[in-house]
Each structure stands twice: as structure tokens, then as C-alpha cells.
Amino acid sequence: MKLSIRGFSLACGITLGLAVFVLTAWFLIFGYQASLLGKLSNLYLGYSVSWGGAFIGLLWGFADGLIGGAVFAWLYNKFAGSSR
């Protein structure tokens, strides 16, 4: 069985983008200390633990998940095809 590269990468992008957004919003709403979450600013340009940063994290997380998911699905299809 092969994975749809487009479908899998979109699913990963949406999931990671929403995860970064929801986690940032959760920290802002409930006032948790964001020292660990703030380390994402080293990875995602423009990200901060703020409402603006939540939307920037949403975009970066989507792009990150999209690329990572595409690479994973492509590799999976390559390796799954060679085992037959």
C-alpha cells in the first residue's frame, strides 16, 4: 500500500500548524510559563508566545509539517515499493 504524498503532507501540515497555534493559545489563556514553548522562536522566524506569534507559528508549523510529511510519505513509498 502506498501513501498519498499530497494527502499525507497536508494532514501533517494542518496537524502541526494547529498544534502550535492551540498550544500557544493555551499558554496565553491559562497563563502558563512559556519558557519551553518560547524555544520555538529559535526554530520559527518571528514566532513568540503572543497572539501574533500564534498565527506565525500556525504558518510555520503548517509549512514544516507539509515538507516533513511529504518527505516521510515519499520515503515510505520508496521503501515499501522495494520490499516486494
Protein backbone atom coordinates (compact mmCIF):
# COMPACT_ATOMS: atom_id res chain seq x y z
CA MET A 1 0.00 0.00 0.00
CA LYS A 2 1.33 3.42 -0.91
CA LEU A 3 0.71 6.68 0.86
CA SER A 4 -0.70 9.68 -0.98
CA ILE A 5 2.12 12.19 -0.71
CA ARG A 6 -0.24 15.15 -1.16
CA GLY A 7 -2.80 13.89 1.33
CA PHE A 8 -0.30 12.83 3.97
CA SER A 9 1.70 16.05 3.74
CA LEU A 10 -1.45 18.19 4.01
CA ALA A 11 -2.60 16.19 7.03
CA CYS A 12 0.79 16.64 8.71
CA GLY A 13 0.90 20.34 7.88
CA ILE A 14 -2.58 21.03 9.22
CA THR A 15 -1.93 18.97 12.35
CA LEU A 16 1.39 20.60 13.21
CA GLY A 17 0.17 24.11 12.38
CA LEU A 18 -2.90 23.73 14.56
CA ALA A 19 -0.87 22.12 17.34
CA VAL A 20 1.50 25.10 17.54
CA PHE A 21 -1.43 27.55 17.41
CA VAL A 22 -3.54 25.75 20.03
CA LEU A 23 -0.59 25.19 22.36
CA THR A 24 0.40 28.86 22.16
CA ALA A 25 -3.21 29.97 22.72
CA TRP A 26 -3.49 27.57 25.67
CA PHE A 27 -0.39 29.05 27.28
CA LEU A 28 -1.71 32.59 26.74
CA ILE A 29 -5.22 31.91 28.02
CA PHE A 30 -4.21 29.99 31.13
CA GLY A 31 -1.06 31.97 31.87
CA TYR A 32 1.46 29.16 31.93
CA GLN A 33 5.14 29.99 31.97
CA ALA A 34 6.21 29.77 28.37
CA SER A 35 9.95 29.20 28.71
CA LEU A 36 9.83 25.83 26.94
CA LEU A 37 7.39 26.98 24.27
CA GLY A 38 9.43 30.13 23.70
CA LYS A 39 12.27 27.97 22.38
CA LEU A 40 10.26 27.62 19.18
CA SER A 41 11.40 31.16 18.38
CA ASN A 42 14.84 29.64 17.70
CA LEU A 43 13.26 27.42 15.07
CA TYR A 44 10.47 29.57 13.62
CA LEU A 45 11.44 33.08 12.48
CA GLY A 46 9.12 35.69 14.00
CA TYR A 47 7.47 33.33 16.49
CA SER A 48 6.84 34.44 20.06
CA VAL A 49 4.43 33.41 22.77
CA SER A 50 1.81 36.00 21.84
CA TRP A 51 -1.35 36.09 19.75
CA GLY A 52 0.59 37.33 16.75
CA GLY A 53 3.17 34.63 17.35
CA ALA A 54 0.41 32.02 17.47
CA PHE A 55 -0.58 32.88 13.91
CA ILE A 56 3.05 32.98 12.77
CA GLY A 57 3.54 29.58 14.44
CA LEU A 58 0.45 28.31 12.63
CA LEU A 59 2.00 29.22 9.28
CA TRP A 60 5.47 27.91 10.13
CA GLY A 61 4.04 24.73 11.64
CA PHE A 62 1.96 24.15 8.51
CA ALA A 63 5.00 24.61 6.25
CA ASP A 64 7.16 22.43 8.50
CA GLY A 65 4.57 19.65 8.65
CA LEU A 66 3.87 19.88 4.93
CA ILE A 67 7.53 19.42 3.99
CA GLY A 68 8.19 16.80 6.67
CA GLY A 69 5.08 14.85 5.75
CA ALA A 70 5.94 14.91 2.04
CA VAL A 71 9.47 13.65 2.72
CA PHE A 72 8.16 10.93 5.04
CA ALA A 73 5.50 9.74 2.57
CA TRP A 74 7.97 9.77 -0.32
CA LEU A 75 10.50 7.74 1.66
CA TYR A 76 7.79 5.34 2.82
CA ASN A 77 6.65 4.77 -0.75
CA LYS A 78 10.22 4.21 -1.91
CA PHE A 79 10.96 1.65 0.80
CA ALA A 80 7.56 -0.05 0.63
CA GLY A 81 7.93 -0.48 -3.14
CA SER A 82 11.36 -2.07 -2.88
CA SER A 83 10.28 -4.81 -0.46
CA ARG A 84 8.01 -6.55 -2.98
